[in-house]
Protein backbone atom coordinates (compact mmCIF):
# COMPACT_ATOMS: atom_id res chain seq x y z
CA MET A 1 -8.66 -49.72 15.32
CA ILE A 2 -9.99 -53.11 16.06
CA LYS A 3 -7.44 -56.03 15.62
CA ILE A 4 -8.55 -59.54 14.87
CA ILE A 5 -5.92 -61.99 16.05
CA ASP A 6 -4.75 -64.54 13.59
CA TYR A 7 -3.68 -67.70 15.10
CA GLY A 8 -4.34 -70.07 12.29
CA MET A 9 -7.79 -71.01 13.68
CA GLY A 10 -11.05 -69.70 12.30
CA ASN A 11 -13.07 -67.73 9.79
CA LEU A 12 -11.18 -64.48 10.22
CA LYS A 13 -12.31 -62.93 6.92
CA ASN A 14 -15.91 -63.50 7.79
CA VAL A 15 -15.51 -61.61 11.11
CA GLN A 16 -13.59 -58.82 9.37
CA LYS A 17 -16.14 -58.24 6.71
CA ALA A 18 -19.02 -58.25 9.35
CA PHE A 19 -17.33 -55.46 11.18
CA GLU A 20 -16.92 -53.50 7.92
CA MET A 21 -20.63 -54.20 7.32
CA VAL A 22 -21.57 -52.28 10.36
CA GLY A 23 -19.08 -49.37 9.90
CA TYR A 24 -16.07 -50.51 11.90
CA GLN A 25 -12.59 -51.17 10.33
CA ALA A 26 -10.98 -54.18 11.53
CA GLU A 27 -7.73 -55.64 10.56
CA ILE A 28 -6.27 -59.33 10.82
CA THR A 29 -3.06 -59.65 12.40
CA GLN A 30 -0.67 -61.96 14.33
CA ASP A 31 1.86 -59.06 14.86
CA LYS A 32 2.28 -58.59 18.64
CA GLU A 33 3.03 -54.86 18.50
CA GLU A 34 -0.11 -54.18 16.33
CA ILE A 35 -2.23 -56.16 18.72
CA LEU A 36 -0.73 -54.12 21.80
CA ALA A 37 -1.56 -50.91 19.98
CA ALA A 38 -5.06 -51.84 19.17
CA ASP A 39 -8.12 -50.08 20.51
CA GLY A 40 -10.08 -53.36 20.68
CA ILE A 41 -9.18 -56.99 20.22
CA VAL A 42 -11.09 -59.93 18.86
CA LEU A 43 -10.25 -63.43 19.32
CA PRO A 44 -12.32 -65.72 16.92
CA GLY A 45 -11.71 -69.43 16.24
CA VAL A 46 -13.14 -72.82 15.27
CA GLY A 47 -11.43 -76.08 15.65
CA ALA A 48 -9.65 -77.92 18.48
CA PHE A 49 -8.77 -76.43 21.83
CA LYS A 50 -5.38 -78.05 22.04
CA ASP A 51 -4.33 -77.05 18.63
CA ALA A 52 -5.45 -73.48 19.39
CA MET A 53 -3.40 -73.16 22.59
CA GLU A 54 -0.24 -74.76 20.81
CA ASN A 55 -0.65 -72.09 18.07
CA LEU A 56 -0.89 -69.15 20.41
CA GLU A 57 2.08 -70.47 22.43
CA ARG A 58 4.12 -70.95 19.24
CA LEU A 59 3.32 -67.47 17.96
CA LYS A 60 4.03 -66.11 21.57
CA LEU A 61 0.60 -64.45 21.77
CA ILE A 62 -0.56 -65.74 25.13
CA GLU A 63 1.07 -63.13 27.07
CA ILE A 64 0.11 -60.58 24.54
CA ILE A 65 -3.57 -61.49 25.10
CA LYS A 66 -3.23 -61.34 28.80
CA THR A 67 -1.62 -57.93 28.66
CA VAL A 68 -4.18 -56.21 26.49
CA ILE A 69 -6.92 -57.65 28.74
CA GLU A 70 -5.10 -56.49 31.81
CA GLN A 71 -4.87 -53.03 30.21
CA GLY A 72 -8.57 -52.73 30.02
CA LYS A 73 -9.06 -52.86 26.25
CA PRO A 74 -12.38 -54.14 25.10
CA PHE A 75 -11.80 -57.77 24.16
CA LEU A 76 -14.31 -59.97 22.21
CA GLY A 77 -14.00 -63.87 22.02
CA ILE A 78 -16.03 -65.71 19.73
CA CYS A 79 -16.80 -69.60 19.62
CA LEU A 80 -13.43 -71.05 20.46
CA GLY A 81 -12.19 -67.75 21.44
CA LEU A 82 -14.61 -67.88 24.34
CA GLN A 83 -13.50 -71.39 25.38
CA LEU A 84 -9.89 -70.48 25.29
CA LEU A 85 -10.27 -67.78 27.99
CA PHE A 86 -11.00 -70.46 30.55
CA THR A 87 -8.80 -72.44 32.89
CA ALA A 88 -8.95 -75.85 31.05
CA SER A 89 -10.77 -78.01 28.39
CA GLU A 90 -11.61 -81.56 28.63
CA GLU A 91 -11.37 -81.98 24.87
CA PHE A 92 -8.94 -84.93 24.08
CA GLY A 93 -7.92 -85.13 27.67
CA VAL A 94 -7.37 -82.08 29.85
CA THR A 95 -5.49 -79.11 28.15
CA GLU A 96 -4.74 -75.90 29.97
CA GLY A 97 -6.33 -72.72 28.69
CA LEU A 98 -5.52 -69.03 29.13
CA ASP A 99 -7.05 -69.23 32.65
CA ILE A 100 -8.32 -65.65 32.41
CA ILE A 101 -11.85 -66.67 33.51
CA SER A 102 -11.80 -69.48 36.04
CA GLY A 103 -13.80 -72.48 34.95
CA ARG A 104 -13.76 -75.45 32.50
CA VAL A 105 -14.83 -76.42 29.08
CA LYS A 106 -16.96 -79.60 28.88
CA ARG A 107 -18.35 -81.55 26.10
CA PHE A 108 -22.12 -82.10 25.58
CA SER A 109 -23.12 -85.54 26.92
CA GLN A 110 -24.10 -88.21 24.29
CA ASN A 111 -27.01 -89.10 26.63
CA LEU A 112 -28.81 -85.89 25.59
CA GLU A 113 -30.15 -87.95 22.58
CA LEU A 114 -29.54 -84.72 20.49
CA LYS A 115 -27.07 -84.24 17.56
CA ILE A 116 -23.55 -83.20 18.65
CA PRO A 117 -22.15 -80.89 17.43
CA HIS A 118 -24.95 -78.42 18.28
CA ILE A 119 -25.51 -76.68 14.89
CA GLY A 120 -28.14 -74.19 14.04
CA TRP A 121 -30.13 -71.25 15.45
CA ASN A 122 -30.84 -71.11 19.08
CA GLN A 123 -32.18 -68.48 21.48
CA LEU A 124 -30.42 -66.32 24.09
CA ASP A 125 -31.64 -65.95 27.57
CA LEU A 126 -30.29 -62.56 28.75
CA LYS A 127 -29.11 -62.91 32.35
CA ARG A 128 -27.56 -59.44 33.07
CA LYS A 129 -27.29 -55.98 31.76
CA ASN A 130 -24.54 -56.06 29.11
CA GLU A 131 -23.67 -53.19 26.46
CA ILE A 132 -22.93 -55.78 23.87
CA TYR A 133 -26.61 -56.79 23.72
CA GLU A 134 -28.00 -53.34 23.43
CA ASP A 135 -31.06 -53.55 20.95
CA ILE A 136 -31.04 -57.22 21.32
CA GLU A 137 -34.21 -58.75 22.85
CA ASN A 138 -34.44 -61.66 25.22
CA GLY A 139 -35.04 -64.82 23.17
CA GLU A 140 -33.20 -63.54 20.16
CA HIS A 141 -31.86 -66.23 17.96
CA GLN A 142 -28.03 -66.61 17.12
CA TYR A 143 -26.20 -69.30 15.12
CA PHE A 144 -24.23 -71.92 17.00
CA VAL A 145 -21.66 -74.60 15.81
CA HIS A 146 -20.02 -76.33 18.86
CA SER A 147 -19.51 -79.62 20.78
CA TYR A 148 -18.30 -78.13 23.97
CA TYR A 149 -19.53 -75.33 26.33
CA VAL A 150 -18.08 -73.29 29.10
CA VAL A 151 -18.81 -73.86 32.76
CA PRO A 152 -17.61 -70.80 34.72
CA ASP A 153 -16.69 -71.10 38.50
CA ASP A 154 -18.23 -67.62 39.02
CA GLU A 155 -21.98 -67.39 38.20
CA GLY A 156 -21.48 -63.63 38.10
CA VAL A 157 -19.69 -63.67 34.75
CA VAL A 158 -22.77 -65.37 32.93
CA ALA A 159 -24.40 -63.10 30.31
CA THR A 160 -26.57 -65.42 28.61
CA ARG A 161 -27.76 -69.05 28.73
CA THR A 162 -29.11 -71.25 25.95
CA LYS A 163 -31.09 -74.55 26.09
CA TYR A 164 -29.91 -77.53 24.10
CA GLY A 165 -30.76 -80.54 26.09
CA ILE A 166 -29.36 -78.79 29.13
CA GLU A 167 -29.15 -75.14 29.85
CA PHE A 168 -25.62 -74.05 28.99
CA VAL A 169 -23.69 -70.68 29.11
CA SER A 170 -23.80 -69.16 25.72
CA SER A 171 -21.87 -65.92 26.58
CA VAL A 172 -19.91 -64.38 29.33
CA ARG A 173 -18.89 -60.88 30.47
CA LYS A 174 -16.09 -59.86 32.92
CA ASP A 175 -14.97 -56.38 33.20
CA ASN A 176 -13.69 -55.53 29.60
CA ILE A 177 -14.14 -59.13 28.28
CA TYR A 178 -17.18 -60.12 26.18
CA ALA A 179 -17.22 -63.49 24.86
CA VAL A 180 -19.80 -65.52 23.01
CA GLN A 181 -20.13 -69.22 21.97
CA PHE A 182 -22.30 -68.46 18.93
CA HIS A 183 -21.10 -66.83 15.73
CA PRO A 184 -22.51 -63.18 15.54
CA GLU A 185 -20.70 -62.76 12.06
CA LYS A 186 -22.97 -65.62 10.71
CA SER A 187 -26.20 -64.51 12.66
CA SER A 188 -27.92 -62.13 10.22
CA HIS A 189 -28.76 -58.60 11.20
CA LYS A 190 -28.96 -59.25 15.02
CA GLY A 191 -25.58 -60.90 15.02
CA LEU A 192 -24.26 -57.79 13.20
CA GLN A 193 -25.84 -55.57 15.85
CA ILE A 194 -23.91 -57.34 18.44
CA LEU A 195 -20.64 -56.56 16.44
CA LYS A 196 -21.71 -53.06 16.06
CA ASN A 197 -22.29 -52.79 19.79
CA PHE A 198 -18.74 -54.11 20.39
CA GLY A 199 -17.50 -51.48 17.83
CA LYS A 200 -19.32 -48.72 19.80
CA ILE A 201 -17.73 -49.98 23.06
CA VAL A 202 -14.41 -49.69 21.39
CA ASN A 203 -15.04 -46.13 20.17
CA ASP A 204 -16.29 -45.09 23.55
CA LYS A 205 -13.22 -46.40 25.37
CA GLU A 206 -10.93 -44.78 22.85
CA ARG A 207 -12.48 -41.42 23.71
């Protein structure tokens, strides 16, 4: 069973319905025992980094997230759920993140002369082999809504890059962690394919 972590941030129902559309049952929960017992975990989210970390701490979910990742369970971060995995964010000052992936979260520069936040469809430049992108072609479009982007210390975790004034990291892969800046649940049939691929990873791991 896939568990979607509810920490008070994000469009959880949309993610849940998207998984159901591709044939995988997913339940929304903030129950620690249910998350620990899950076969796969999803951390979605929209909103402010600092608020999200405060919510995770208040709900005592930080160590739970670290535990399931250390156990090797397939883990998918979406949008803010990607950014939270990093060491720190510069949003509203510096806020410490989960520090599971070394690096920082930075804001798009106003000097880009582009609208911030970055909202809309944009292309993925695939950088490495990644099961979550099975049947996804290089240059495929996904839907983005964000003002901040991740800067990993290790180039080896970069799964895709996307151009918006600059070339930024739009998804990462590290061991059992798959995390994307875009919203696959809002990205039509190709976004659903990514969620379907994650569901297959969970099923294969379960066996």
